[in-house]
Amino acid sequence: MAKPILYKATAATGALALDIAPDWDFELMEVRVHLNAAGGAGDLTVTLDALAGAEYDAVLFKQDMTAVTDIEYIPAQPMQFARGDKLAVAWPNAGNKTYGAEVYVRKVY
């Protein structure tokens, strides 16, 4: 079994917008987000933008960040996606908090 890899990470202020689109079939293993302080209003979402079309797009995870400093989203089972699918991790960060975000995926052979 392939080892999970850190596909994309960022540390910044302002809106969070990470697109995860490997050039291979993959499984989502984990999404981690840490804020420097609570009070970052707005919903953090992990959304599927499916290659198969808009009728297959879905919000996979949603969390109000108002009273949160740490999120660790681990699907109950690894979620499988095809090459060409895109995951978007987004959060408006209305409170302009400093954050760190990491997305771990595993290549499917």
PDB file of N, CA and C in Angstrom:
ATOM      1  N   MET A   1       0.847  -1.175   0.000  1.00  0.00           N
ATOM      2  CA  MET A   1       0.000   0.000   0.000  1.00  0.00           C
ATOM      3  C   MET A   1       0.890   1.236   0.000  1.00  0.00           C
ATOM      4  N   ALA A   2       0.560   2.192  -0.834  1.00  0.00           N
ATOM      5  CA  ALA A   2       1.344   3.415  -0.946  1.00  0.00           C
ATOM      6  C   ALA A   2       1.215   4.257   0.319  1.00  0.00           C
ATOM      7  N   LYS A   3       2.284   4.942   0.634  1.00  0.00           N
ATOM      8  CA  LYS A   3       2.335   5.806   1.802  1.00  0.00           C
ATOM      9  C   LYS A   3       1.615   7.123   1.496  1.00  0.00           C
ATOM     10  N   PRO A   4       0.834   7.672   2.455  1.00  0.00           N
ATOM     11  CA  PRO A   4       0.219   8.978   2.231  1.00  0.00           C
ATOM     12  C   PRO A   4       1.292  10.040   2.011  1.00  0.00           C
ATOM     13  N   ILE A   5       1.010  10.978   1.123  1.00  0.00           N
ATOM     14  CA  ILE A   5       1.958  12.049   0.857  1.00  0.00           C
ATOM     15  C   ILE A   5       1.291  13.396   1.109  1.00  0.00           C
ATOM     16  N   LEU A   6       2.102  14.331   1.542  1.00  0.00           N
ATOM     17  CA  LEU A   6       1.625  15.694   1.688  1.00  0.00           C
ATOM     18  C   LEU A   6       1.549  16.281   0.293  1.00  0.00           C
ATOM     19  N   TYR A   7       0.340  16.452  -0.206  1.00  0.00           N
ATOM     20  CA  TYR A   7       0.179  16.918  -1.579  1.00  0.00           C
ATOM     21  C   TYR A   7       0.327  18.432  -1.675  1.00  0.00           C
ATOM     22  N   LYS A   8      -0.266  19.121  -0.730  1.00  0.00           N
ATOM     23  CA  LYS A   8      -0.204  20.570  -0.798  1.00  0.00           C
ATOM     24  C   LYS A   8      -0.305  21.148   0.602  1.00  0.00           C
ATOM     25  N   ALA A   9       0.480  22.192   0.874  1.00  0.00           N
ATOM     26  CA  ALA A   9       0.443  22.880   2.159  1.00  0.00           C
ATOM     27  C   ALA A   9       0.609  24.367   1.916  1.00  0.00           C
ATOM     28  N   THR A  10       0.083  25.134   2.841  1.00  0.00           N
ATOM     29  CA  THR A  10       0.237  26.579   2.758  1.00  0.00           C
ATOM     30  C   THR A  10       0.128  27.175   4.151  1.00  0.00           C
ATOM     31  N   ALA A  11       0.770  28.288   4.360  1.00  0.00           N
ATOM     32  CA  ALA A  11       0.631  29.067   5.587  1.00  0.00           C
ATOM     33  C   ALA A  11       0.479  30.513   5.153  1.00  0.00           C
ATOM     34  N   ALA A  12      -0.572  31.171   5.629  1.00  0.00           N
ATOM     35  CA  ALA A  12      -0.840  32.513   5.133  1.00  0.00           C
ATOM     36  C   ALA A  12      -1.910  33.192   5.977  1.00  0.00           C
ATOM     37  N   THR A  13      -2.283  34.396   5.543  1.00  0.00           N
ATOM     38  CA  THR A  13      -3.469  35.084   6.031  1.00  0.00           C
ATOM     39  C   THR A  13      -4.354  35.296   4.804  1.00  0.00           C
ATOM     40  N   GLY A  14      -5.538  35.824   5.015  1.00  0.00           N
ATOM     41  CA  GLY A  14      -6.458  35.995   3.886  1.00  0.00           C
ATOM     42  C   GLY A  14      -7.209  34.703   3.620  1.00  0.00           C
ATOM     43  N   ALA A  15      -7.928  34.677   2.536  1.00  0.00           N
ATOM     44  CA  ALA A  15      -8.755  33.515   2.200  1.00  0.00           C
ATOM     45  C   ALA A  15      -7.889  32.282   1.919  1.00  0.00           C
ATOM     46  N   LEU A  16      -8.384  31.138   2.344  1.00  0.00           N
ATOM     47  CA  LEU A  16      -7.736  29.855   2.048  1.00  0.00           C
ATOM     48  C   LEU A  16      -8.365  29.290   0.785  1.00  0.00           C
ATOM     49  N   ALA A  17      -7.536  28.945  -0.174  1.00  0.00           N
ATOM     50  CA  ALA A  17      -8.021  28.353  -1.426  1.00  0.00           C
ATOM     51  C   ALA A  17      -6.960  27.392  -1.933  1.00  0.00           C
ATOM     52  N   LEU A  18      -7.112  26.119  -1.594  1.00  0.00           N
ATOM     53  CA  LEU A  18      -6.195  25.072  -2.042  1.00  0.00           C
ATOM     54  C   LEU A  18      -6.912  24.169  -3.032  1.00  0.00           C
ATOM     55  N   ASP A  19      -6.328  23.965  -4.192  1.00  0.00           N
ATOM     56  CA  ASP A  19      -6.862  23.014  -5.167  1.00  0.00           C
ATOM     57  C   ASP A  19      -5.957  21.799  -5.198  1.00  0.00           C
ATOM     58  N   ILE A  20      -6.551  20.629  -5.058  1.00  0.00           N
ATOM     59  CA  ILE A  20      -5.824  19.374  -5.064  1.00  0.00           C
ATOM     60  C   ILE A  20      -6.266  18.625  -6.310  1.00  0.00           C
ATOM     61  N   ALA A  21      -5.348  18.464  -7.245  1.00  0.00           N
ATOM     62  CA  ALA A  21      -5.672  17.819  -8.522  1.00  0.00           C
ATOM     63  C   ALA A  21      -4.474  17.020  -9.017  1.00  0.00           C
ATOM     64  N   PRO A  22      -4.179  15.895  -8.358  1.00  0.00           N
ATOM     65  CA  PRO A  22      -3.057  15.074  -8.814  1.00  0.00           C
ATOM     66  C   PRO A  22      -3.271  14.575 -10.239  1.00  0.00           C
ATOM     67  N   ASP A  23      -2.198  14.258 -10.887  1.00  0.00           N
ATOM     68  CA  ASP A  23      -2.252  13.732 -12.258  1.00  0.00           C
ATOM     69  C   ASP A  23      -2.344  12.212 -12.239  1.00  0.00           C
ATOM     70  N   TRP A  24      -3.037  11.672 -11.247  1.00  0.00           N
ATOM     71  CA  TRP A  24      -3.205  10.228 -11.081  1.00  0.00           C
ATOM     72  C   TRP A  24      -4.428   9.985 -10.192  1.00  0.00           C
ATOM     73  N   ASP A  25      -4.960   8.759 -10.210  1.00  0.00           N
ATOM     74  CA  ASP A  25      -6.050   8.389  -9.298  1.00  0.00           C
ATOM     75  C   ASP A  25      -5.522   8.507  -7.870  1.00  0.00           C
ATOM     76  N   PHE A  26      -6.399   8.954  -6.953  1.00  0.00           N
ATOM     77  CA  PHE A  26      -5.911   9.184  -5.591  1.00  0.00           C
ATOM     78  C   PHE A  26      -7.004   8.964  -4.558  1.00  0.00           C
ATOM     79  N   GLU A  27      -6.566   8.843  -3.316  1.00  0.00           N
ATOM     80  CA  GLU A  27      -7.449   8.765  -2.160  1.00  0.00           C
ATOM     81  C   GLU A  27      -7.158   9.951  -1.255  1.00  0.00           C
ATOM     82  N   LEU A  28      -8.201  10.569  -0.726  1.00  0.00           N
ATOM     83  CA  LEU A  28      -8.036  11.615   0.274  1.00  0.00           C
ATOM     84  C   LEU A  28      -7.859  10.942   1.619  1.00  0.00           C
ATOM     85  N   MET A  29      -6.752  11.260   2.281  1.00  0.00           N
ATOM     86  CA  MET A  29      -6.457  10.652   3.573  1.00  0.00           C
ATOM     87  C   MET A  29      -6.763  11.605   4.734  1.00  0.00           C
ATOM     88  N   GLU A  30      -6.413  12.893   4.557  1.00  0.00           N
ATOM     89  CA  GLU A  30      -6.541  13.806   5.688  1.00  0.00           C
ATOM     90  C   GLU A  30      -6.408  15.260   5.236  1.00  0.00           C
ATOM     91  N   VAL A  31      -7.153  16.132   5.931  1.00  0.00           N
ATOM     92  CA  VAL A  31      -7.015  17.579   5.775  1.00  0.00           C
ATOM     93  C   VAL A  31      -6.806  18.147   7.175  1.00  0.00           C
ATOM     94  N   ARG A  32      -5.751  18.959   7.333  1.00  0.00           N
ATOM     95  CA  ARG A  32      -5.462  19.600   8.619  1.00  0.00           C
ATOM     96  C   ARG A  32      -5.418  21.108   8.425  1.00  0.00           C
ATOM     97  N   VAL A  33      -6.046  21.829   9.357  1.00  0.00           N
ATOM     98  CA  VAL A  33      -5.980  23.285   9.342  1.00  0.00           C
ATOM     99  C   VAL A  33      -5.790  23.754  10.781  1.00  0.00           C
ATOM    100  N   HIS A  34      -4.831  24.650  10.965  1.00  0.00           N
ATOM    101  CA  HIS A  34      -4.583  25.252  12.286  1.00  0.00           C
ATOM    102  C   HIS A  34      -4.657  26.765  12.143  1.00  0.00           C
ATOM    103  N   LEU A  35      -5.372  27.417  13.069  1.00  0.00           N
ATOM    104  CA  LEU A  35      -5.464  28.880  13.101  1.00  0.00           C
ATOM    105  C   LEU A  35      -4.678  29.406  14.296  1.00  0.00           C
ATOM    106  N   ASN A  36      -4.140  30.604  14.164  1.00  0.00           N
ATOM    107  CA  ASN A  36      -3.390  31.189  15.277  1.00  0.00           C
ATOM    108  C   ASN A  36      -4.304  31.602  16.423  1.00  0.00           C
ATOM    109  N   ALA A  37      -5.593  31.785  16.160  1.00  0.00           N
ATOM    110  CA  ALA A  37      -6.559  32.150  17.192  1.00  0.00           C
ATOM    111  C   ALA A  37      -7.967  31.843  16.687  1.00  0.00           C
ATOM    112  N   ALA A  38      -8.863  31.569  17.631  1.00  0.00           N
ATOM    113  CA  ALA A  38     -10.261  31.341  17.254  1.00  0.00           C
ATOM    114  C   ALA A  38     -10.869  32.643  16.760  1.00  0.00           C
ATOM    115  N   GLY A  39     -12.004  32.543  16.111  1.00  0.00           N
ATOM    116  CA  GLY A  39     -12.713  33.730  15.663  1.00  0.00           C
ATOM    117  C   GLY A  39     -12.595  33.970  14.174  1.00  0.00           C
ATOM    118  N   GLY A  40     -12.179  32.948  13.459  1.00  0.00           N
ATOM    119  CA  GLY A  40     -12.088  33.058  12.000  1.00  0.00           C
ATOM    120  C   GLY A  40     -13.423  32.694  11.381  1.00  0.00           C
ATOM    121  N   ALA A  41     -14.344  33.632  11.375  1.00  0.00           N
ATOM    122  CA  ALA A  41     -15.710  33.368  10.918  1.00  0.00           C
ATOM    123  C   ALA A  41     -15.763  32.802   9.511  1.00  0.00           C
ATOM    124  N   GLY A  42     -16.792  32.027   9.246  1.00  0.00           N
ATOM    125  CA  GLY A  42     -17.025  31.434   7.933  1.00  0.00           C
ATOM    126  C   GLY A  42     -16.828  29.935   7.969  1.00  0.00           C
ATOM    127  N   ASP A  43     -17.336  29.260   6.953  1.00  0.00           N
ATOM    128  CA  ASP A  43     -17.242  27.804   6.860  1.00  0.00           C
ATOM    129  C   ASP A  43     -16.003  27.379   6.081  1.00  0.00           C
ATOM    130  N   LEU A  44     -15.274  26.430   6.633  1.00  0.00           N
ATOM    131  CA  LEU A  44     -14.218  25.737   5.900  1.00  0.00           C
ATOM    132  C   LEU A  44     -14.893  24.583   5.172  1.00  0.00           C
ATOM    133  N   THR A  45     -14.630  24.439   3.881  1.00  0.00           N
ATOM    134  CA  THR A  45     -15.238  23.357   3.113  1.00  0.00           C
ATOM    135  C   THR A  45     -14.191  22.584   2.336  1.00  0.00           C
ATOM    136  N   VAL A  46     -14.466  21.312   2.162  1.00  0.00           N
ATOM    137  CA  VAL A  46     -13.718  20.449   1.245  1.00  0.00           C
ATOM    138  C   VAL A  46     -14.747  19.992   0.217  1.00  0.00           C
ATOM    139  N   THR A  47     -14.528  20.373  -1.043  1.00  0.00           N
ATOM    140  CA  THR A  47     -15.521  20.156  -2.090  1.00  0.00           C
ATOM    141  C   THR A  47     -14.921  19.383  -3.248  1.00  0.00           C
ATOM    142  N   LEU A  48     -15.679  18.447  -3.783  1.00  0.00           N
ATOM    143  CA  LEU A  48     -15.298  17.705  -4.976  1.00  0.00           C
ATOM    144  C   LEU A  48     -15.798  18.439  -6.211  1.00  0.00           C
ATOM    145  N   ASP A  49     -14.886  18.728  -7.126  1.00  0.00           N
ATOM    146  CA  ASP A  49     -15.212  19.219  -8.462  1.00  0.00           C
ATOM    147  C   ASP A  49     -14.923  18.046  -9.393  1.00  0.00           C
ATOM    148  N   ALA A  50     -15.960  17.267  -9.698  1.00  0.00           N
ATOM    149  CA  ALA A  50     -15.797  15.991 -10.393  1.00  0.00           C
ATOM    150  C   ALA A  50     -15.551  16.170 -11.884  1.00  0.00           C
ATOM    151  N   LEU A  51     -14.608  15.409 -12.402  1.00  0.00           N
ATOM    152  CA  LEU A  51     -14.343  15.392 -13.829  1.00  0.00           C
ATOM    153  C   LEU A  51     -15.591  14.970 -14.604  1.00  0.00           C
ATOM    154  N   ALA A  52     -16.413  14.114 -14.001  1.00  0.00           N
ATOM    155  CA  ALA A  52     -17.606  13.588 -14.669  1.00  0.00           C
ATOM    156  C   ALA A  52     -18.688  14.640 -14.890  1.00  0.00           C
ATOM    157  N   GLY A  53     -18.579  15.797 -14.246  1.00  0.00           N
ATOM    158  CA  GLY A  53     -19.551  16.856 -14.464  1.00  0.00           C
ATOM    159  C   GLY A  53     -20.132  17.402 -13.178  1.00  0.00           C
ATOM    160  N   ALA A  54     -20.759  18.558 -13.292  1.00  0.00           N
ATOM    161  CA  ALA A  54     -21.299  19.272 -12.130  1.00  0.00           C
ATOM    162  C   ALA A  54     -22.318  18.454 -11.345  1.00  0.00           C
ATOM    163  N   GLU A  55     -23.031  17.565 -12.020  1.00  0.00           N
ATOM    164  CA  GLU A  55     -24.033  16.760 -11.299  1.00  0.00           C
ATOM    165  C   GLU A  55     -23.395  15.794 -10.302  1.00  0.00           C
ATOM    166  N   TYR A  56     -22.057  15.621 -10.351  1.00  0.00           N
ATOM    167  CA  TYR A  56     -21.340  14.750  -9.415  1.00  0.00           C
ATOM    168  C   TYR A  56     -20.549  15.538  -8.383  1.00  0.00           C
ATOM    169  N   ASP A  57     -20.549  16.863  -8.465  1.00  0.00           N
ATOM    170  CA  ASP A  57     -19.855  17.687  -7.477  1.00  0.00           C
ATOM    171  C   ASP A  57     -20.538  17.533  -6.123  1.00  0.00           C
ATOM    172  N   ALA A  58     -19.750  17.642  -5.045  1.00  0.00           N
ATOM    173  CA  ALA A  58     -20.324  17.475  -3.710  1.00  0.00           C
ATOM    174  C   ALA A  58     -19.456  18.163  -2.665  1.00  0.00           C
ATOM    175  N   VAL A  59     -20.104  18.680  -1.631  1.00  0.00           N
ATOM    176  CA  VAL A  59     -19.392  19.166  -0.451  1.00  0.00           C
ATOM    177  C   VAL A  59     -19.130  17.950   0.429  1.00  0.00           C
ATOM    178  N   LEU A  60     -17.867  17.636   0.641  1.00  0.00           N
ATOM    179  CA  LEU A  60     -17.486  16.440   1.401  1.00  0.00           C
ATOM    180  C   LEU A  60     -17.354  16.715   2.892  1.00  0.00           C
ATOM    181  N   PHE A  61     -17.045  17.952   3.240  1.00  0.00           N
ATOM    182  CA  PHE A  61     -16.845  18.337   4.636  1.00  0.00           C
ATOM    183  C   PHE A  61     -17.117  19.826   4.765  1.00  0.00           C
ATOM    184  N   LYS A  62     -17.749  20.210   5.893  1.00  0.00           N
ATOM    185  CA  LYS A  62     -18.049  21.619   6.151  1.00  0.00           C
ATOM    186  C   LYS A  62     -17.970  21.862   7.652  1.00  0.00           C
ATOM    187  N   GLN A  63     -17.259  22.929   8.043  1.00  0.00           N
ATOM    188  CA  GLN A  63     -17.098  23.247   9.459  1.00  0.00           C
ATOM    189  C   GLN A  63     -17.107  24.758   9.657  1.00  0.00           C
ATOM    190  N   ASP A  64     -17.986  25.240  10.535  1.00  0.00           N
ATOM    191  CA  ASP A  64     -17.976  26.655  10.916  1.00  0.00           C
ATOM    192  C   ASP A  64     -16.721  26.899  11.755  1.00  0.00           C
ATOM    193  N   MET A  65     -15.917  27.881  11.384  1.00  0.00           N
ATOM    194  CA  MET A  65     -14.623  28.120  12.031  1.00  0.00           C
ATOM    195  C   MET A  65     -14.681  29.195  13.115  1.00  0.00           C
ATOM    196  N   THR A  66     -15.870  29.682  13.477  1.00  0.00           N
ATOM    197  CA  THR A  66     -16.002  30.790  14.424  1.00  0.00           C
ATOM    198  C   THR A  66     -15.299  30.524  15.754  1.00  0.00           C
ATOM    199  N   ALA A  67     -15.456  29.336  16.324  1.00  0.00           N
ATOM    200  CA  ALA A  67     -14.884  29.041  17.638  1.00  0.00           C
ATOM    201  C   ALA A  67     -13.834  27.928  17.563  1.00  0.00           C
ATOM    202  N   VAL A  68     -13.185  27.790  16.421  1.00  0.00           N
ATOM    203  CA  VAL A  68     -12.277  26.667  16.180  1.00  0.00           C
ATOM    204  C   VAL A  68     -10.868  27.176  15.919  1.00  0.00           C
ATOM    205  N   THR A  69      -9.877  26.443  16.423  1.00  0.00           N
ATOM    206  CA  THR A  69      -8.482  26.746  16.065  1.00  0.00           C
ATOM    207  C   THR A  69      -7.830  25.585  15.329  1.00  0.00           C
ATOM    208  N   ASP A  70      -8.348  24.372  15.479  1.00  0.00           N
ATOM    209  CA  ASP A  70      -7.758  23.205  14.827  1.00  0.00           C
ATOM    210  C   ASP A  70      -8.829  22.308  14.234  1.00  0.00           C
ATOM    211  N   ILE A  71      -8.602  21.906  12.988  1.00  0.00           N
ATOM    212  CA  ILE A  71      -9.470  20.942  12.304  1.00  0.00           C
ATOM    213  C   ILE A  71      -8.582  19.828  11.770  1.00  0.00           C
ATOM    214  N   GLU A  72      -9.010  18.606  12.012  1.00  0.00           N
ATOM    215  CA  GLU A  72      -8.363  17.448  11.401  1.00  0.00           C
ATOM    216  C   GLU A  72      -9.486  16.596  10.819  1.00  0.00           C
ATOM    217  N   TYR A  73      -9.663  16.681   9.514  1.00  0.00           N
ATOM    218  CA  TYR A  73     -10.702  15.913   8.831  1.00  0.00           C
ATOM    219  C   TYR A  73     -10.070  14.659   8.260  1.00  0.00           C
ATOM    220  N   ILE A  74     -10.496  13.518   8.797  1.00  0.00           N
ATOM    221  CA  ILE A  74     -10.041  12.209   8.319  1.00  0.00           C
ATOM    222  C   ILE A  74     -11.301  11.427   7.952  1.00  0.00           C
ATOM    223  N   PRO A  75     -11.510  11.171   6.668  1.00  0.00           N
ATOM    224  CA  PRO A  75     -12.695  10.383   6.298  1.00  0.00           C
ATOM    225  C   PRO A  75     -12.675   9.018   7.005  1.00  0.00           C
ATOM    226  N   ALA A  76     -13.854   8.502   7.316  1.00  0.00           N
ATOM    227  CA  ALA A  76     -13.951   7.190   7.980  1.00  0.00           C
ATOM    228  C   ALA A  76     -13.222   6.111   7.178  1.00  0.00           C
ATOM    229  N   GLN A  77     -13.287   6.221   5.865  1.00  0.00           N
ATOM    230  CA  GLN A  77     -12.550   5.350   4.944  1.00  0.00           C
ATOM    231  C   GLN A  77     -11.908   6.278   3.920  1.00  0.00           C
ATOM    232  N   PRO A  78     -10.743   5.941   3.412  1.00  0.00           N
ATOM    233  CA  PRO A  78     -10.159   6.805   2.380  1.00  0.00           C
ATOM    234  C   PRO A  78     -11.157   7.003   1.226  1.00  0.00           C
ATOM    235  N   MET A  79     -11.295   8.239   0.802  1.00  0.00           N
ATOM    236  CA  MET A  79     -12.223   8.574  -0.286  1.00  0.00           C
ATOM    237  C   MET A  79     -11.457   8.526  -1.596  1.00  0.00           C
ATOM    238  N   GLN A  80     -11.992   7.792  -2.586  1.00  0.00           N
ATOM    239  CA  GLN A  80     -11.283   7.583  -3.846  1.00  0.00           C
ATOM    240  C   GLN A  80     -11.758   8.555  -4.920  1.00  0.00           C
ATOM    241  N   PHE A  81     -10.777   9.050  -5.694  1.00  0.00           N
ATOM    242  CA  PHE A  81     -11.048   9.998  -6.759  1.00  0.00           C
ATOM    243  C   PHE A  81     -10.249   9.624  -7.995  1.00  0.00           C
ATOM    244  N   ALA A  82     -10.804   9.957  -9.148  1.00  0.00           N
ATOM    245  CA  ALA A  82     -10.166   9.642 -10.421  1.00  0.00           C
ATOM    246  C   ALA A  82      -9.236  10.777 -10.851  1.00  0.00           C
ATOM    247  N   ARG A  83      -8.282  10.432 -11.667  1.00  0.00           N
ATOM    248  CA  ARG A  83      -7.436  11.445 -12.297  1.00  0.00           C
ATOM    249  C   ARG A  83      -8.365  12.422 -13.015  1.00  0.00           C
ATOM    250  N   GLY A  84      -8.172  13.688 -12.788  1.00  0.00           N
ATOM    251  CA  GLY A  84      -9.043  14.698 -13.376  1.00  0.00           C
ATOM    252  C   GLY A  84     -10.045  15.272 -12.389  1.00  0.00           C
ATOM    253  N   ASP A  85     -10.344  14.538 -11.306  1.00  0.00           N
ATOM    254  CA  ASP A  85     -11.161  15.107 -10.237  1.00  0.00           C
ATOM    255  C   ASP A  85     -10.325  16.152  -9.506  1.00  0.00           C
ATOM    256  N   LYS A  86     -10.994  17.145  -8.955  1.00  0.00           N
ATOM    257  CA  LYS A  86     -10.289  18.175  -8.198  1.00  0.00           C
ATOM    258  C   LYS A  86     -10.983  18.360  -6.862  1.00  0.00           C
ATOM    259  N   LEU A  87     -10.198  18.464  -5.795  1.00  0.00           N
ATOM    260  CA  LEU A  87     -10.723  18.810  -4.488  1.00  0.00           C
ATOM    261  C   LEU A  87     -10.352  20.256  -4.207  1.00  0.00           C
ATOM    262  N   ALA A  88     -11.278  20.992  -3.648  1.00  0.00           N
ATOM    263  CA  ALA A  88     -11.026  22.380  -3.277  1.00  0.00           C
ATOM    264  C   ALA A  88     -11.220  22.521  -1.770  1.00  0.00           C
ATOM    265  N   VAL A  89     -10.189  22.992  -1.095  1.00  0.00           N
ATOM    266  CA  VAL A  89     -10.270  23.310   0.329  1.00  0.00           C
ATOM    267  C   VAL A  89     -10.357  24.832   0.401  1.00  0.00           C
ATOM    268  N   ALA A  90     -11.454  25.334   0.973  1.00  0.00           N
ATOM    269  CA  ALA A  90     -11.691  26.775   0.942  1.00  0.00           C
ATOM    270  C   ALA A  90     -12.236  27.270   2.273  1.00  0.00           C
ATOM    271  N   TRP A  91     -11.880  28.521   2.579  1.00  0.00           N
ATOM    272  CA  TRP A  91     -12.366  29.190   3.784  1.00  0.00           C
ATOM    273  C   TRP A  91     -12.195  30.680   3.580  1.00  0.00           C
ATOM    274  N   PRO A  92     -13.241  31.496   3.786  1.00  0.00           N
ATOM    275  CA  PRO A  92     -13.128  32.928   3.510  1.00  0.00           C
ATOM    276  C   PRO A  92     -12.221  33.690   4.477  1.00  0.00           C
ATOM    277  N   ASN A  93     -12.033  33.193   5.691  1.00  0.00           N
ATOM    278  CA  ASN A  93     -11.140  33.816   6.675  1.00  0.00           C
ATOM    279  C   ASN A  93     -11.472  35.296   6.868  1.00  0.00           C
ATOM    280  N   ALA A  94     -12.721  35.574   7.167  1.00  0.00           N
ATOM    281  CA  ALA A  94     -13.179  36.954   7.334  1.00  0.00           C
ATOM    282  C   ALA A  94     -12.432  37.681   8.455  1.00  0.00           C
ATOM    283  N   GLY A  95     -11.930  36.926   9.450  1.00  0.00           N
ATOM    284  CA  GLY A  95     -11.194  37.531  10.557  1.00  0.00           C
ATOM    285  C   GLY A  95      -9.707  37.696  10.273  1.00  0.00           C
ATOM    286  N   ASN A  96      -9.274  37.347   9.064  1.00  0.00           N
ATOM    287  CA  ASN A  96      -7.880  37.465   8.632  1.00  0.00           C
ATOM    288  C   ASN A  96      -6.902  36.804   9.604  1.00  0.00           C
ATOM    289  N   LYS A  97      -7.240  35.605  10.060  1.00  0.00           N
ATOM    290  CA  LYS A  97      -6.365  34.839  10.943  1.00  0.00           C
ATOM    291  C   LYS A  97      -5.205  34.258  10.143  1.00  0.00           C
ATOM    292  N   THR A  98      -4.111  33.980  10.839  1.00  0.00           N
ATOM    293  CA  THR A  98      -2.992  33.261  10.224  1.00  0.00           C
ATOM    294  C   THR A  98      -3.301  31.776  10.331  1.00  0.00           C
ATOM    295  N   TYR A  99      -3.101  31.053   9.247  1.00  0.00           N
ATOM    296  CA  TYR A  99      -3.419  29.625   9.248  1.00  0.00           C
ATOM    297  C   TYR A  99      -2.305  28.822   8.587  1.00  0.00           C
ATOM    298  N   GLY A 100      -2.317  27.544   8.912  1.00  0.00           N
ATOM    299  CA  GLY A 100      -1.517  26.550   8.208  1.00  0.00           C
ATOM    300  C   GLY A 100      -2.476  25.465   7.759  1.00  0.00           C
ATOM    301  N   ALA A 101      -2.343  25.021   6.520  1.00  0.00           N
ATOM    302  CA  ALA A 101      -3.238  23.993   5.984  1.00  0.00           C
ATOM    303  C   ALA A 101      -2.416  22.936   5.259  1.00  0.00           C
ATOM    304  N   GLU A 102      -2.772  21.674   5.463  1.00  0.00           N
ATOM    305  CA  GLU A 102      -2.095  20.555   4.814  1.00  0.00           C
ATOM    306  C   GLU A 102      -3.139  19.585   4.285  1.00  0.00           C
ATOM    307  N   VAL A 103      -2.877  18.999   3.124  1.00  0.00           N
ATOM    308  CA  VAL A 103      -3.757  17.989   2.540  1.00  0.00           C
ATOM    309  C   VAL A 103      -2.901  16.776   2.202  1.00  0.00           C
ATOM    310  N   TYR A 104      -3.298  15.617   2.743  1.00  0.00           N
ATOM    311  CA  TYR A 104      -2.584  14.364   2.495  1.00  0.00           C
ATOM    312  C   TYR A 104      -3.425  13.468   1.599  1.00  0.00           C
ATOM    313  N   VAL A 105      -2.799  12.930   0.576  1.00  0.00           N
ATOM    314  CA  VAL A 105      -3.451  12.009  -0.346  1.00  0.00           C
ATOM    315  C   VAL A 105      -2.561  10.784  -0.517  1.00  0.00           C
ATOM    316  N   ARG A 106      -3.133   9.765  -1.132  1.00  0.00           N
ATOM    317  CA  ARG A 106      -2.373   8.547  -1.446  1.00  0.00           C
ATOM    318  C   ARG A 106      -2.649   8.185  -2.896  1.00  0.00           C
ATOM    319  N   LYS A 107      -1.597   7.877  -3.623  1.00  0.00           N
ATOM    320  CA  LYS A 107      -1.729   7.473  -5.024  1.00  0.00           C
ATOM    321  C   LYS A 107      -2.347   6.086  -5.104  1.00  0.00           C
ATOM    322  N   VAL A 108      -3.300   5.927  -6.014  1.00  0.00           N
ATOM    323  CA  VAL A 108      -3.939   4.632  -6.231  1.00  0.00           C
ATOM    324  C   VAL A 108      -3.366   4.041  -7.520  1.00  0.00           C
ATOM    325  N   TYR A 109      -2.894   2.822  -7.435  1.00  0.00           N
ATOM    326  CA  TYR A 109      -2.274   2.160  -8.599  1.00  0.00           C
ATOM    327  C   TYR A 109      -3.243   1.206  -9.258  1.00  0.00           C
TER     328      TYR A 109
END
